[in-house]
PDB file of N, CA and C in Angstrom:
ATOM      1  N   MET A   1       0.773  -0.882  -0.038  1.00  0.00           N
ATOM      2  CA  MET A   1      -0.107  -0.010  -0.129  1.00  0.00           C
ATOM      3  C   MET A   1       0.928   1.122   0.049  1.00  0.00           C
ATOM      4  N   ALA A   2       0.801   2.443  -1.157  1.00  0.00           N
ATOM      5  CA  ALA A   2       1.053   3.396  -1.245  1.00  0.00           C
ATOM      6  C   ALA A   2       1.025   4.034   0.099  1.00  0.00           C
ATOM      7  N   VAL A   3       1.901   5.257   0.358  1.00  0.00           N
ATOM      8  CA  VAL A   3       1.952   6.092   1.479  1.00  0.00           C
ATOM      9  C   VAL A   3       2.829   7.443   1.006  1.00  0.00           C
ATOM     10  N   TYR A   4       1.722   8.538   1.401  1.00  0.00           N
ATOM     11  CA  TYR A   4       1.950  10.149   0.528  1.00  0.00           C
ATOM     12  C   TYR A   4       2.584  10.464   1.239  1.00  0.00           C
ATOM     13  N   LYS A   5       3.718  10.843   2.204  1.00  0.00           N
ATOM     14  CA  LYS A   5       4.036  11.680   3.218  1.00  0.00           C
ATOM     15  C   LYS A   5       4.308  12.959   2.785  1.00  0.00           C
ATOM     16  N   VAL A   6       3.243  13.959   3.136  1.00  0.00           N
ATOM     17  CA  VAL A   6       3.070  15.175   2.788  1.00  0.00           C
ATOM     18  C   VAL A   6       3.081  16.224   3.811  1.00  0.00           C
ATOM     19  N   SER A   7       4.157  16.827   3.251  1.00  0.00           N
ATOM     20  CA  SER A   7       4.566  18.462   4.109  1.00  0.00           C
ATOM     21  C   SER A   7       3.207  19.718   3.284  1.00  0.00           C
ATOM     22  N   TYR A   8       2.341  20.027   4.407  1.00  0.00           N
ATOM     23  CA  TYR A   8       2.122  20.978   4.297  1.00  0.00           C
ATOM     24  C   TYR A   8       2.166  22.522   4.592  1.00  0.00           C
ATOM     25  N   VAL A   9       1.929  24.257   3.880  1.00  0.00           N
ATOM     26  CA  VAL A   9       1.787  24.885   4.615  1.00  0.00           C
ATOM     27  C   VAL A   9       0.460  25.520   3.903  1.00  0.00           C
ATOM     28  N   VAL A  10      -0.065  25.703   4.951  1.00  0.00           N
ATOM     29  CA  VAL A  10      -1.023  27.226   4.476  1.00  0.00           C
ATOM     30  C   VAL A  10      -1.113  28.076   4.611  1.00  0.00           C
ATOM     31  N   ILE A  11      -1.522  28.858   3.055  1.00  0.00           N
ATOM     32  CA  ILE A  11      -1.254  30.660   3.124  1.00  0.00           C
ATOM     33  C   ILE A  11      -2.365  31.117   3.565  1.00  0.00           C
ATOM     34  N   LYS A  12      -2.224  32.462   3.858  1.00  0.00           N
ATOM     35  CA  LYS A  12      -3.169  33.530   4.489  1.00  0.00           C
ATOM     36  C   LYS A  12      -3.624  33.311   5.570  1.00  0.00           C
ATOM     37  N   SER A  13      -2.519  32.452   6.408  1.00  0.00           N
ATOM     38  CA  SER A  13      -3.558  31.992   8.033  1.00  0.00           C
ATOM     39  C   SER A  13      -2.413  31.715   8.596  1.00  0.00           C
ATOM     40  N   ASP A  14      -2.423  31.584  10.102  1.00  0.00           N
ATOM     41  CA  ASP A  14      -2.041  31.252  11.046  1.00  0.00           C
ATOM     42  C   ASP A  14      -2.016  29.933  11.616  1.00  0.00           C
ATOM     43  N   HIS A  15      -2.301  29.083  10.525  1.00  0.00           N
ATOM     44  CA  HIS A  15      -2.014  27.240  11.114  1.00  0.00           C
ATOM     45  C   HIS A  15      -0.661  27.392  10.387  1.00  0.00           C
ATOM     46  N   PRO A  16       0.115  26.690  11.377  1.00  0.00           N
ATOM     47  CA  PRO A  16       1.349  26.430  11.448  1.00  0.00           C
ATOM     48  C   PRO A  16       1.617  25.388  10.374  1.00  0.00           C
ATOM     49  N   GLY A  17       0.620  24.570   9.797  1.00  0.00           N
ATOM     50  CA  GLY A  17       0.845  23.189   8.697  1.00  0.00           C
ATOM     51  C   GLY A  17       1.518  22.148   9.648  1.00  0.00           C
ATOM     52  N   GLY A  18       2.003  21.333   8.787  1.00  0.00           N
ATOM     53  CA  GLY A  18       2.944  20.300   9.555  1.00  0.00           C
ATOM     54  C   GLY A  18       3.042  19.373   8.460  1.00  0.00           C
ATOM     55  N   ILE A  19       3.168  17.427   9.040  1.00  0.00           N
ATOM     56  CA  ILE A  19       3.692  17.103   7.629  1.00  0.00           C
ATOM     57  C   ILE A  19       2.381  15.932   8.269  1.00  0.00           C
ATOM     58  N   ILE A  20       1.706  15.212   7.219  1.00  0.00           N
ATOM     59  CA  ILE A  20       0.725  13.758   7.750  1.00  0.00           C
ATOM     60  C   ILE A  20       0.673  12.637   6.613  1.00  0.00           C
ATOM     61  N   ASN A  21       0.747  11.678   6.942  1.00  0.00           N
ATOM     62  CA  ASN A  21       0.444  10.245   5.626  1.00  0.00           C
ATOM     63  C   ASN A  21      -0.773  10.598   5.651  1.00  0.00           C
ATOM     64  N   PHE A  22      -1.201  10.156   4.016  1.00  0.00           N
ATOM     65  CA  PHE A  22      -2.337   9.596   3.567  1.00  0.00           C
ATOM     66  C   PHE A  22      -1.779   8.660   2.664  1.00  0.00           C
ATOM     67  N   ASP A  23      -3.573   8.325   1.859  1.00  0.00           N
ATOM     68  CA  ASP A  23      -3.211   7.272   1.353  1.00  0.00           C
ATOM     69  C   ASP A  23      -3.329   6.771  -0.095  1.00  0.00           C
ATOM     70  N   LYS A  24      -3.807   8.283  -0.776  1.00  0.00           N
ATOM     71  CA  LYS A  24      -3.585   8.709  -1.885  1.00  0.00           C
ATOM     72  C   LYS A  24      -3.245  10.283  -1.990  1.00  0.00           C
ATOM     73  N   LYS A  25      -2.550  10.025  -3.229  1.00  0.00           N
ATOM     74  CA  LYS A  25      -1.832  11.483  -3.349  1.00  0.00           C
ATOM     75  C   LYS A  25      -2.965  12.609  -3.454  1.00  0.00           C
ATOM     76  N   PRO A  26      -2.668  14.072  -2.707  1.00  0.00           N
ATOM     77  CA  PRO A  26      -3.360  15.029  -2.971  1.00  0.00           C
ATOM     78  C   PRO A  26      -3.460  15.258  -4.069  1.00  0.00           C
ATOM     79  N   GLU A  27      -4.803  15.998  -4.756  1.00  0.00           N
ATOM     80  CA  GLU A  27      -4.732  16.743  -6.034  1.00  0.00           C
ATOM     81  C   GLU A  27      -5.428  18.066  -5.460  1.00  0.00           C
ATOM     82  N   VAL A  28      -4.330  18.686  -6.705  1.00  0.00           N
ATOM     83  CA  VAL A  28      -5.143  20.637  -6.879  1.00  0.00           C
ATOM     84  C   VAL A  28      -6.359  20.397  -6.499  1.00  0.00           C
ATOM     85  N   GLY A  29      -6.664  21.497  -6.239  1.00  0.00           N
ATOM     86  CA  GLY A  29      -8.483  21.664  -5.721  1.00  0.00           C
ATOM     87  C   GLY A  29      -9.000  20.595  -5.142  1.00  0.00           C
ATOM     88  N   GLU A  30      -8.664  19.771  -4.864  1.00  0.00           N
ATOM     89  CA  GLU A  30      -9.411  18.974  -3.724  1.00  0.00           C
ATOM     90  C   GLU A  30      -9.058  19.008  -2.048  1.00  0.00           C
ATOM     91  N   ILE A  31     -10.278  19.245  -1.450  1.00  0.00           N
ATOM     92  CA  ILE A  31     -10.397  19.428  -0.193  1.00  0.00           C
ATOM     93  C   ILE A  31      -9.923  18.429   0.482  1.00  0.00           C
ATOM     94  N   ILE A  32      -9.084  18.957   1.368  1.00  0.00           N
ATOM     95  CA  ILE A  32      -8.414  17.576   2.701  1.00  0.00           C
ATOM     96  C   ILE A  32      -8.796  18.055   3.817  1.00  0.00           C
ATOM     97  N   ARG A  33      -9.372  16.761   5.165  1.00  0.00           N
ATOM     98  CA  ARG A  33      -9.372  17.573   6.814  1.00  0.00           C
ATOM     99  C   ARG A  33      -8.714  16.674   7.363  1.00  0.00           C
ATOM    100  N   ILE A  34      -8.147  18.318   7.758  1.00  0.00           N
ATOM    101  CA  ILE A  34      -6.748  17.909   8.523  1.00  0.00           C
ATOM    102  C   ILE A  34      -7.242  18.559  10.205  1.00  0.00           C
ATOM    103  N   GLY A  35      -7.276  18.223  11.233  1.00  0.00           N
ATOM    104  CA  GLY A  35      -7.745  18.044  12.002  1.00  0.00           C
ATOM    105  C   GLY A  35      -9.357  18.847  12.233  1.00  0.00           C
ATOM    106  N   ASN A  36      -9.199  19.835  12.170  1.00  0.00           N
ATOM    107  CA  ASN A  36     -10.627  20.738  12.343  1.00  0.00           C
ATOM    108  C   ASN A  36     -10.799  21.320  11.373  1.00  0.00           C
ATOM    109  N   PHE A  37      -9.782  21.463  10.177  1.00  0.00           N
ATOM    110  CA  PHE A  37      -9.702  22.489   8.981  1.00  0.00           C
ATOM    111  C   PHE A  37      -9.777  21.702   8.255  1.00  0.00           C
ATOM    112  N   ASP A  38     -10.462  22.203   7.060  1.00  0.00           N
ATOM    113  CA  ASP A  38     -10.776  21.719   5.580  1.00  0.00           C
ATOM    114  C   ASP A  38      -9.777  22.937   4.484  1.00  0.00           C
ATOM    115  N   LEU A  39      -8.839  22.110   4.424  1.00  0.00           N
ATOM    116  CA  LEU A  39      -7.303  23.087   3.570  1.00  0.00           C
ATOM    117  C   LEU A  39      -8.053  22.422   2.126  1.00  0.00           C
ATOM    118  N   LYS A  40      -8.230  23.526   1.156  1.00  0.00           N
ATOM    119  CA  LYS A  40      -8.069  23.559  -0.305  1.00  0.00           C
ATOM    120  C   LYS A  40      -6.695  23.355  -0.530  1.00  0.00           C
ATOM    121  N   VAL A  41      -6.382  21.889  -1.500  1.00  0.00           N
ATOM    122  CA  VAL A  41      -5.130  22.320  -2.341  1.00  0.00           C
ATOM    123  C   VAL A  41      -4.681  22.939  -3.011  1.00  0.00           C
ATOM    124  N   ILE A  42      -4.280  24.168  -3.760  1.00  0.00           N
ATOM    125  CA  ILE A  42      -3.627  25.223  -4.288  1.00  0.00           C
ATOM    126  C   ILE A  42      -2.520  24.492  -5.139  1.00  0.00           C
ATOM    127  N   GLU A  43      -1.503  24.091  -4.692  1.00  0.00           N
ATOM    128  CA  GLU A  43      -0.231  24.008  -5.287  1.00  0.00           C
ATOM    129  C   GLU A  43       0.691  22.180  -4.764  1.00  0.00           C
ATOM    130  N   ILE A  44       0.919  21.078  -5.564  1.00  0.00           N
ATOM    131  CA  ILE A  44       1.300  19.539  -5.115  1.00  0.00           C
ATOM    132  C   ILE A  44       2.627  19.831  -5.535  1.00  0.00           C
ATOM    133  N   PHE A  45       3.382  18.898  -4.748  1.00  0.00           N
ATOM    134  CA  PHE A  45       4.634  18.941  -6.150  1.00  0.00           C
ATOM    135  C   PHE A  45       5.410  17.621  -5.615  1.00  0.00           C
ATOM    136  N   GLU A  46       6.504  17.156  -5.925  1.00  0.00           N
ATOM    137  CA  GLU A  46       6.822  16.180  -5.201  1.00  0.00           C
ATOM    138  C   GLU A  46       8.428  16.686  -4.702  1.00  0.00           C
ATOM    139  N   LEU A  47       8.665  15.816  -3.931  1.00  0.00           N
ATOM    140  CA  LEU A  47       9.699  17.060  -3.079  1.00  0.00           C
ATOM    141  C   LEU A  47      11.138  15.746  -3.621  1.00  0.00           C
ATOM    142  N   ILE A  48      11.192  14.601  -3.294  1.00  0.00           N
ATOM    143  CA  ILE A  48      12.154  13.823  -3.698  1.00  0.00           C
ATOM    144  C   ILE A  48      11.546  12.506  -4.120  1.00  0.00           C
ATOM    145  N   PRO A  49      12.453  11.795  -5.246  1.00  0.00           N
ATOM    146  CA  PRO A  49      11.730  10.427  -6.201  1.00  0.00           C
ATOM    147  C   PRO A  49      11.065   9.465  -4.790  1.00  0.00           C
ATOM    148  N   PRO A  50      10.286   8.997  -5.149  1.00  0.00           N
ATOM    149  CA  PRO A  50       9.656   7.671  -4.298  1.00  0.00           C
ATOM    150  C   PRO A  50      10.771   6.200  -3.742  1.00  0.00           C
ATOM    151  N   ARG A  51      10.592   6.251  -2.753  1.00  0.00           N
ATOM    152  CA  ARG A  51      11.189   5.263  -2.081  1.00  0.00           C
ATOM    153  C   ARG A  51      10.608   3.769  -1.662  1.00  0.00           C
ATOM    154  N   GLY A  52      10.760   2.792  -2.619  1.00  0.00           N
ATOM    155  CA  GLY A  52       9.678   1.905  -2.467  1.00  0.00           C
ATOM    156  C   GLY A  52       8.292   1.988  -2.470  1.00  0.00           C
ATOM    157  N   ASP A  53       7.164   2.456  -1.709  1.00  0.00           N
ATOM    158  CA  ASP A  53       5.851   2.342  -1.462  1.00  0.00           C
ATOM    159  C   ASP A  53       5.888   3.635  -0.712  1.00  0.00           C
ATOM    160  N   PHE A  54       6.897   4.670  -0.702  1.00  0.00           N
ATOM    161  CA  PHE A  54       7.010   6.212   0.042  1.00  0.00           C
ATOM    162  C   PHE A  54       7.492   6.981  -0.808  1.00  0.00           C
ATOM    163  N   TYR A  55       6.502   7.949  -0.923  1.00  0.00           N
ATOM    164  CA  TYR A  55       6.322   9.171  -1.472  1.00  0.00           C
ATOM    165  C   TYR A  55       6.289  10.398  -1.180  1.00  0.00           C
ATOM    166  N   TYR A  56       7.201  11.223  -1.369  1.00  0.00           N
ATOM    167  CA  TYR A  56       7.201  12.427  -0.880  1.00  0.00           C
ATOM    168  C   TYR A  56       6.739  14.035  -1.309  1.00  0.00           C
ATOM    169  N   MET A  57       5.983  14.213  -1.041  1.00  0.00           N
ATOM    170  CA  MET A  57       5.576  15.506  -1.521  1.00  0.00           C
ATOM    171  C   MET A  57       5.012  16.679  -0.754  1.00  0.00           C
ATOM    172  N   HIS A  58       5.133  17.788  -1.244  1.00  0.00           N
ATOM    173  CA  HIS A  58       4.766  18.738  -0.668  1.00  0.00           C
ATOM    174  C   HIS A  58       3.334  19.647  -0.756  1.00  0.00           C
ATOM    175  N   ALA A  59       2.615  20.069  -0.591  1.00  0.00           N
ATOM    176  CA  ALA A  59       1.020  20.870  -0.569  1.00  0.00           C
ATOM    177  C   ALA A  59       1.594  22.201  -0.060  1.00  0.00           C
ATOM    178  N   THR A  60       0.713  23.172  -0.830  1.00  0.00           N
ATOM    179  CA  THR A  60       0.283  24.266  -0.332  1.00  0.00           C
ATOM    180  C   THR A  60      -0.919  24.932  -0.593  1.00  0.00           C
ATOM    181  N   CYS A  61      -1.960  25.088   0.617  1.00  0.00           N
ATOM    182  CA  CYS A  61      -3.174  24.943   0.959  1.00  0.00           C
ATOM    183  C   CYS A  61      -3.645  25.829   1.330  1.00  0.00           C
ATOM    184  N   GLU A  62      -4.913  26.443   1.005  1.00  0.00           N
ATOM    185  CA  GLU A  62      -5.830  27.525   1.830  1.00  0.00           C
ATOM    186  C   GLU A  62      -6.842  26.881   2.403  1.00  0.00           C
ATOM    187  N   ILE A  63      -7.249  27.629   3.418  1.00  0.00           N
ATOM    188  CA  ILE A  63      -8.431  27.656   4.473  1.00  0.00           C
ATOM    189  C   ILE A  63      -9.513  27.502   3.485  1.00  0.00           C
ATOM    190  N   ALA A  64     -10.361  26.156   2.876  1.00  0.00           N
ATOM    191  CA  ALA A  64     -11.483  26.454   2.453  1.00  0.00           C
ATOM    192  C   ALA A  64     -12.357  27.241   2.258  1.00  0.00           C
ATOM    193  N   GLY A  65     -12.917  27.668   1.186  1.00  0.00           N
ATOM    194  CA  GLY A  65     -13.644  28.934   1.678  1.00  0.00           C
ATOM    195  C   GLY A  65     -13.436  30.439   1.563  1.00  0.00           C
ATOM    196  N   LYS A  66     -11.897  30.677   1.679  1.00  0.00           N
ATOM    197  CA  LYS A  66     -11.543  31.497   1.721  1.00  0.00           C
ATOM    198  C   LYS A  66     -11.551  32.142   0.573  1.00  0.00           C
ATOM    199  N   ASP A  67     -11.313  33.741   0.045  1.00  0.00           N
ATOM    200  CA  ASP A  67     -11.087  33.914  -1.154  1.00  0.00           C
ATOM    201  C   ASP A  67     -10.182  35.007  -0.919  1.00  0.00           C
TER     202      ASP A  67
END
């Protein structure tokens, strides 16, 4: 089973961001739930090449519903 280790930052917010594991790759435009926050993915890219079933990604997000 693939594991996507995703570091994320939340722009236009005091949210500290973090690192979280997903079982599928986040996609641009997708809303992801992290803790009590719904975040919209606005950018995603690979940090380093995959190692076995581990993928290392970075996501730039914003609070969902904020313009």
